[in-house]
Amino acid sequence: MASQAPNGSQAINASVEPGDWDAVSVQTSEAQTRQFVTLYEALQDFDDSQAPVPRDLPRLCFAGSADQINYGPGWGEVQVRIGEPLAAHEGGLITSGWDVLVLPGLDHMSTMHSNVVLPLLHDWLRKVEREK
């Protein structure tokens, strides 16, 4: 079954289990693919630690400690580690002005559920408001 994805590409979905990254096929046009390649090539050498960000700008990053996505052969066997690097760099991020939350035991799908994200953002925004 094909459906129109928000970016205009075709997403082909059968019966998909949450977290089954290989079950979804996304087809993009050559022009869209070129845009992605251009973006990622431009970002390769970007050092976000050098970006001029006001020191008092509230910043939050969060991930589950088990947040890791393993793509199969259709996606080049790519592994995207999110939780582990966030935990490893937590101290430096905090020193740079970030609020960091590593949620114990949660994987990518669990972390992104609204019952996790909404209370987390609600509490953080209230904290930021109190600190003004």
C-alpha atoms as a PDB file:
ATOM      1  CA  MET A   1       0.000   0.000   0.000  1.00  0.00           C
ATOM      2  CA  ALA A   2       1.487   3.363  -0.984  1.00  0.00           C
ATOM      3  CA  SER A   3       0.719   6.628   0.716  1.00  0.00           C
ATOM      4  CA  GLN A   4       1.950  10.151   0.164  1.00  0.00           C
ATOM      5  CA  ALA A   5       4.590  11.101   2.727  1.00  0.00           C
ATOM      6  CA  PRO A   6       4.780  14.705   4.021  1.00  0.00           C
ATOM      7  CA  ASN A   7       7.844  15.464   1.876  1.00  0.00           C
ATOM      8  CA  GLY A   8       6.112  14.344  -1.309  1.00  0.00           C
ATOM      9  CA  SER A   9       7.861  10.985  -1.486  1.00  0.00           C
ATOM     10  CA  GLN A  10       5.997   7.715  -1.670  1.00  0.00           C
ATOM     11  CA  ALA A  11       5.992   5.647   1.510  1.00  0.00           C
ATOM     12  CA  ILE A  12       5.161   2.004   0.876  1.00  0.00           C
ATOM     13  CA  ASN A  13       3.809   0.385   4.019  1.00  0.00           C
ATOM     14  CA  ALA A  14       2.574  -3.127   4.569  1.00  0.00           C
ATOM     15  CA  SER A  15       1.829  -4.339   8.065  1.00  0.00           C
ATOM     16  CA  VAL A  16       4.535  -2.505   9.987  1.00  0.00           C
ATOM     17  CA  GLU A  17       5.576  -3.267  13.544  1.00  0.00           C
ATOM     18  CA  PRO A  18       6.803  -0.278  15.590  1.00  0.00           C
ATOM     19  CA  GLY A  19      10.590  -0.137  15.394  1.00  0.00           C
ATOM     20  CA  ASP A  20      10.799  -2.337  12.295  1.00  0.00           C
ATOM     21  CA  TRP A  21      12.837   0.119  10.254  1.00  0.00           C
ATOM     22  CA  ASP A  22      13.177  -2.271   7.305  1.00  0.00           C
ATOM     23  CA  ALA A  23       9.421  -2.667   6.825  1.00  0.00           C
ATOM     24  CA  VAL A  24       9.001   0.835   5.413  1.00  0.00           C
ATOM     25  CA  SER A  25      10.287   1.771   2.010  1.00  0.00           C
ATOM     26  CA  VAL A  26      10.621   5.431   1.122  1.00  0.00           C
ATOM     27  CA  GLN A  27      11.167   6.391  -2.476  1.00  0.00           C
ATOM     28  CA  THR A  28      12.425   9.861  -3.269  1.00  0.00           C
ATOM     29  CA  SER A  29      13.061  11.592  -6.523  1.00  0.00           C
ATOM     30  CA  GLU A  30      16.578  12.203  -7.792  1.00  0.00           C
ATOM     31  CA  ALA A  31      16.205  15.906  -6.960  1.00  0.00           C
ATOM     32  CA  GLN A  32      15.185  15.139  -3.351  1.00  0.00           C
ATOM     33  CA  THR A  33      18.080  12.723  -2.951  1.00  0.00           C
ATOM     34  CA  ARG A  34      20.468  15.391  -4.285  1.00  0.00           C
ATOM     35  CA  GLN A  35      19.116  17.824  -1.657  1.00  0.00           C
ATOM     36  CA  PHE A  36      19.787  15.321   1.143  1.00  0.00           C
ATOM     37  CA  VAL A  37      23.303  14.605  -0.112  1.00  0.00           C
ATOM     38  CA  THR A  38      24.051  18.337  -0.384  1.00  0.00           C
ATOM     39  CA  LEU A  39      22.771  18.941   3.154  1.00  0.00           C
ATOM     40  CA  TYR A  40      24.727  16.089   4.747  1.00  0.00           C
ATOM     41  CA  GLU A  41      27.913  16.920   2.871  1.00  0.00           C
ATOM     42  CA  ALA A  42      27.631  20.536   4.047  1.00  0.00           C
ATOM     43  CA  LEU A  43      27.098  19.414   7.647  1.00  0.00           C
ATOM     44  CA  GLN A  44      30.075  17.031   7.769  1.00  0.00           C
ATOM     45  CA  ASP A  45      32.524  19.690   8.926  1.00  0.00           C
ATOM     46  CA  PHE A  46      30.054  21.821  10.885  1.00  0.00           C
ATOM     47  CA  ASP A  47      31.214  22.341  14.471  1.00  0.00           C
ATOM     48  CA  ASP A  48      28.069  23.198  16.382  1.00  0.00           C
ATOM     49  CA  SER A  49      30.099  23.916  19.509  1.00  0.00           C
ATOM     50  CA  GLN A  50      31.391  27.014  17.700  1.00  0.00           C
ATOM     51  CA  ALA A  51      27.938  28.288  16.700  1.00  0.00           C
ATOM     52  CA  PRO A  52      27.105  31.646  18.307  1.00  0.00           C
ATOM     53  CA  VAL A  53      24.267  30.751  20.700  1.00  0.00           C
ATOM     54  CA  PRO A  54      23.220  33.130  23.484  1.00  0.00           C
ATOM     55  CA  ARG A  55      24.331  31.661  26.799  1.00  0.00           C
ATOM     56  CA  ASP A  56      20.882  32.207  28.345  1.00  0.00           C
ATOM     57  CA  LEU A  57      18.976  30.446  25.552  1.00  0.00           C
ATOM     58  CA  PRO A  58      17.264  27.386  27.096  1.00  0.00           C
ATOM     59  CA  ARG A  59      18.359  24.140  25.454  1.00  0.00           C
ATOM     60  CA  LEU A  60      17.165  20.599  26.041  1.00  0.00           C
ATOM     61  CA  CYS A  61      18.271  17.295  24.618  1.00  0.00           C
ATOM     62  CA  PHE A  62      16.983  13.895  25.611  1.00  0.00           C
ATOM     63  CA  ALA A  63      17.129  10.284  24.543  1.00  0.00           C
ATOM     64  CA  GLY A  64      16.636   6.862  26.008  1.00  0.00           C
ATOM     65  CA  SER A  65      19.734   5.128  27.300  1.00  0.00           C
ATOM     66  CA  ALA A  66      19.001   2.251  24.884  1.00  0.00           C
ATOM     67  CA  ASP A  67      18.170   4.571  21.973  1.00  0.00           C
ATOM     68  CA  GLN A  68      19.808   2.915  19.006  1.00  0.00           C
ATOM     69  CA  ILE A  69      18.397   2.231  15.565  1.00  0.00           C
ATOM     70  CA  ASN A  70      19.733  -0.690  13.558  1.00  0.00           C
ATOM     71  CA  TYR A  71      18.831  -0.510   9.891  1.00  0.00           C
ATOM     72  CA  GLY A  72      19.021  -3.653   7.768  1.00  0.00           C
ATOM     73  CA  PRO A  73      20.488  -4.388   4.356  1.00  0.00           C
ATOM     74  CA  GLY A  74      17.997  -2.176   2.533  1.00  0.00           C
ATOM     75  CA  TRP A  75      19.445   0.811   4.381  1.00  0.00           C
ATOM     76  CA  GLY A  76      23.102  -0.238   4.221  1.00  0.00           C
ATOM     77  CA  GLU A  77      23.248  -1.908   7.674  1.00  0.00           C
ATOM     78  CA  VAL A  78      23.576   1.559   9.212  1.00  0.00           C
ATOM     79  CA  GLN A  79      23.496   1.822  12.987  1.00  0.00           C
ATOM     80  CA  VAL A  80      22.378   5.110  14.530  1.00  0.00           C
ATOM     81  CA  ARG A  81      23.447   5.389  18.157  1.00  0.00           C
ATOM     82  CA  ILE A  82      21.709   8.193  20.050  1.00  0.00           C
ATOM     83  CA  GLY A  83      21.506   7.320  23.754  1.00  0.00           C
ATOM     84  CA  GLU A  84      25.085   6.142  24.233  1.00  0.00           C
ATOM     85  CA  PRO A  85      26.782   9.224  22.728  1.00  0.00           C
ATOM     86  CA  LEU A  86      24.393  11.533  24.583  1.00  0.00           C
ATOM     87  CA  ALA A  87      25.292   9.863  27.883  1.00  0.00           C
ATOM     88  CA  ALA A  88      28.998   9.958  27.013  1.00  0.00           C
ATOM     89  CA  HIS A  89      28.887  13.720  26.288  1.00  0.00           C
ATOM     90  CA  GLU A  90      26.381  14.668  28.990  1.00  0.00           C
ATOM     91  CA  GLY A  91      28.912  16.566  31.121  1.00  0.00           C
ATOM     92  CA  GLY A  92      30.201  18.654  28.229  1.00  0.00           C
ATOM     93  CA  LEU A  93      26.702  19.447  27.068  1.00  0.00           C
ATOM     94  CA  ILE A  94      25.677  20.564  30.554  1.00  0.00           C
ATOM     95  CA  THR A  95      28.790  22.740  30.764  1.00  0.00           C
ATOM     96  CA  SER A  96      27.761  24.268  27.418  1.00  0.00           C
ATOM     97  CA  GLY A  97      24.363  25.229  28.807  1.00  0.00           C
ATOM     98  CA  TRP A  98      22.214  22.257  27.845  1.00  0.00           C
ATOM     99  CA  ASP A  99      19.723  20.439  30.025  1.00  0.00           C
ATOM    100  CA  VAL A 100      20.343  16.761  29.333  1.00  0.00           C
ATOM    101  CA  LEU A 101      18.053  13.857  30.102  1.00  0.00           C
ATOM    102  CA  VAL A 102      19.088  10.265  29.460  1.00  0.00           C
ATOM    103  CA  LEU A 103      16.006   8.173  30.157  1.00  0.00           C
ATOM    104  CA  PRO A 104      16.996   4.826  31.704  1.00  0.00           C
ATOM    105  CA  GLY A 105      16.198   1.721  29.696  1.00  0.00           C
ATOM    106  CA  LEU A 106      14.173   3.412  26.958  1.00  0.00           C
ATOM    107  CA  ASP A 107      14.777   2.698  23.294  1.00  0.00           C
ATOM    108  CA  HIS A 108      13.990   5.047  20.405  1.00  0.00           C
ATOM    109  CA  MET A 109      10.320   4.120  20.057  1.00  0.00           C
ATOM    110  CA  SER A 110       9.685   4.223  23.819  1.00  0.00           C
ATOM    111  CA  THR A 111      11.363   7.594  24.200  1.00  0.00           C
ATOM    112  CA  MET A 112       9.318   9.195  21.429  1.00  0.00           C
ATOM    113  CA  HIS A 113       5.905   8.172  22.809  1.00  0.00           C
ATOM    114  CA  SER A 114       3.716  11.118  23.700  1.00  0.00           C
ATOM    115  CA  ASN A 115       3.253   9.778  27.234  1.00  0.00           C
ATOM    116  CA  VAL A 116       7.017  10.262  27.713  1.00  0.00           C
ATOM    117  CA  VAL A 117       7.687  13.373  25.610  1.00  0.00           C
ATOM    118  CA  LEU A 118       4.766  15.587  26.641  1.00  0.00           C
ATOM    119  CA  PRO A 119       5.264  15.380  30.427  1.00  0.00           C
ATOM    120  CA  LEU A 120       9.017  15.764  29.932  1.00  0.00           C
ATOM    121  CA  LEU A 121       8.586  18.923  27.816  1.00  0.00           C
ATOM    122  CA  HIS A 122       5.867  20.271  30.112  1.00  0.00           C
ATOM    123  CA  ASP A 123       8.085  19.958  33.185  1.00  0.00           C
ATOM    124  CA  TRP A 124      11.118  21.382  31.385  1.00  0.00           C
ATOM    125  CA  LEU A 125       9.206  24.384  30.035  1.00  0.00           C
ATOM    126  CA  ARG A 126       7.820  25.128  33.505  1.00  0.00           C
ATOM    127  CA  LYS A 127      11.371  24.938  34.899  1.00  0.00           C
ATOM    128  CA  VAL A 128      12.631  27.312  32.191  1.00  0.00           C
ATOM    129  CA  GLU A 129       9.790  29.743  32.917  1.00  0.00           C
ATOM    130  CA  ARG A 130      10.606  29.741  36.670  1.00  0.00           C
ATOM    131  CA  GLU A 131      14.268  30.470  35.927  1.00  0.00           C
ATOM    132  CA  LYS A 132      13.498  33.637  33.940  1.00  0.00           C
END
